[in-house]
Protein backbone atom coordinates (compact mmCIF):
# COMPACT_ATOMS: atom_id res chain seq x y z
CA MET A 1 -0.17 0.06 -0.09
CA SER A 2 2.70 2.41 0.87
CA GLN A 3 4.69 1.37 -2.28
CA ASP A 4 1.70 2.53 -4.19
CA LYS A 5 1.53 5.88 -2.77
CA ARG A 6 5.17 6.46 -3.40
CA ASN A 7 4.66 5.65 -7.20
CA GLU A 8 1.96 8.15 -7.38
CA GLY A 9 3.92 10.77 -5.56
CA SER A 10 6.76 9.93 -8.16
CA GLU A 11 4.48 9.93 -10.88
CA CYS A 12 2.98 13.46 -9.98
CA GLU A 13 6.42 14.84 -9.75
CA SER A 14 7.51 13.67 -13.03
CA LEU A 15 4.25 15.11 -14.41
CA SER A 16 4.90 18.30 -13.01
CA ASP A 17 8.42 18.17 -14.40
CA MET A 18 7.23 17.35 -17.78
CA ASP A 19 4.64 20.18 -17.50
CA GLN A 20 7.53 22.54 -16.92
CA LEU A 21 9.86 21.28 -19.40
CA THR A 22 7.21 21.69 -21.84
CA ALA A 23 6.25 25.09 -21.13
CA GLU A 24 10.11 25.77 -21.10
CA THR A 25 10.51 23.98 -24.66
CA LEU A 26 7.30 25.95 -25.89
CA GLY A 27 9.08 29.38 -24.66
CA GLU A 28 12.20 28.90 -26.44
CA PHE A 29 10.64 27.75 -29.69
CA PRO A 30 9.95 31.29 -31.14
CA GLU A 31 13.55 32.37 -29.93
CA ARG A 32 14.89 29.06 -31.91
CA GLY A 33 12.91 29.87 -34.82
CA LEU A 34 13.73 33.62 -34.80
CA HIS A 35 17.55 32.30 -35.10
CA TRP A 36 17.00 29.99 -37.65
CA VAL A 37 15.14 32.53 -39.93
CA LYS A 38 17.84 34.97 -39.46
CA GLU A 39 20.40 32.42 -40.55
CA GLN A 40 18.79 31.57 -43.49
CA VAL A 41 17.79 35.08 -44.51
CA GLU A 42 21.85 35.73 -43.99
CA THR A 43 22.73 32.82 -46.21
CA VAL A 44 20.51 34.00 -48.86
CA LEU A 45 21.61 37.27 -48.79
CA SER A 46 25.47 36.39 -49.06
CA ASP A 47 24.77 33.84 -51.76
CA THR A 48 23.01 36.41 -54.01
CA GLN A 49 25.70 38.80 -53.54
CA ASP A 50 28.30 36.18 -54.47
CA TYR A 51 26.18 35.49 -57.47
CA VAL A 52 25.76 39.13 -58.56
CA ARG A 53 29.45 39.46 -58.22
CA GLU A 54 30.07 36.57 -60.44
CA LYS A 55 27.50 37.33 -63.04
CA PRO A 56 26.72 41.14 -63.14
CA THR A 57 24.94 41.25 -66.35
CA GLN A 58 22.42 38.34 -65.76
CA SER A 59 21.56 39.84 -62.46
CA LEU A 60 20.74 43.05 -63.89
CA PHE A 61 18.54 41.31 -66.47
CA TYR A 62 16.85 39.31 -63.70
CA ALA A 63 16.46 42.52 -61.60
CA PHE A 64 14.98 44.38 -64.79
CA VAL A 65 12.73 41.47 -65.28
CA ALA A 66 11.87 41.29 -61.59
CA GLY A 67 10.79 45.04 -61.65
CA TYR A 68 9.07 44.85 -64.88
CA LEU A 69 6.55 42.17 -63.46
CA LEU A 70 6.10 43.99 -60.03
CA ASN A 71 5.17 47.02 -61.73
CA ARG A 72 2.52 45.07 -63.88
CA LEU A 73 1.18 43.00 -61.03
CA PRO A 74 -1.36 44.37 -58.73
CA ILE A 75 0.72 44.60 -55.77
CA GLY A 76 -1.70 46.18 -53.36
CA ARG A 77 -4.26 43.61 -53.79
CA ILE A 78 -1.59 40.94 -53.34
CA LEU A 79 -0.07 42.61 -50.35
CA GLY A 80 -3.27 43.19 -48.95
CA GLY A 81 -4.28 39.31 -49.45
CA LEU A 82 -1.02 38.55 -47.75
CA PHE A 83 -1.74 40.69 -44.98
CA ARG A 84 -5.01 39.25 -44.15
CA LEU A 85 -3.58 35.78 -44.41
CA LEU A 86 -0.80 36.66 -41.96
CA VAL A 87 -3.40 38.30 -39.40
CA VAL A 88 -5.45 35.16 -39.66
CA ALA A 89 -2.43 32.92 -38.77
CA LEU A 90 -1.14 35.00 -36.28
CA ARG A 91 -3.86 34.90 -33.83
CA PRO A 92 -3.45 31.38 -33.21
CA ALA A 93 0.27 31.69 -32.62
CA ILE A 94 -0.47 34.56 -30.29
CA LEU A 95 -3.01 32.86 -28.57
CA VAL A 96 -0.60 29.77 -27.88
CA TYR A 97 2.34 32.05 -26.78
CA GLY A 98 0.14 33.85 -24.45
CA ALA A 99 -1.22 30.61 -22.95
CA THR A 100 2.13 29.57 -22.70
CA LYS A 101 3.29 32.73 -20.61
CA LEU A 102 0.39 32.51 -18.31
CA TYR A 103 1.19 28.72 -17.97
CA GLN A 104 4.79 29.97 -17.03
CA ALA A 105 3.59 32.55 -14.70
CA THR A 106 1.14 30.31 -12.55
CA GLN A 107 4.06 27.73 -12.33
CA GLU A 108 6.19 30.33 -10.89
CA GLU A 109 3.71 31.35 -8.39
CA GLU A 110 3.51 27.68 -7.10
C-alpha cells in the first residue's frame, strides 16, 4: 500500500517536471525559430551577393524582369491578401504564446 502511494507521488512529480519542461520548450521555440530564420536570410543574402559579383549582367537582367513584373502586377491587392492571411495565421500563434506565458507565470507562483 505504501509502495503505491510512493509511486503515485513520483508520477505526480514527473508529470509536474514534464509540464514545466514542455512550457520551457514552448517558450524557447519562437526564439530558436527566429534565430534559424535570421541565419537563413543571411545565407541567402550572402549567396545573392556572390552571384551578383560573379554574373553582374545576368543579375541586372533578372532585376529588370522582376521590376517589370512587379510594376505590372496588382501589388496592393497581393500585399493586402498576404496581410489578411498573416493576421488569420497570427491569431492562433499569439493565443498559444499567451497561454504559454500564463502557464509559466502560474507555475512560478506555485
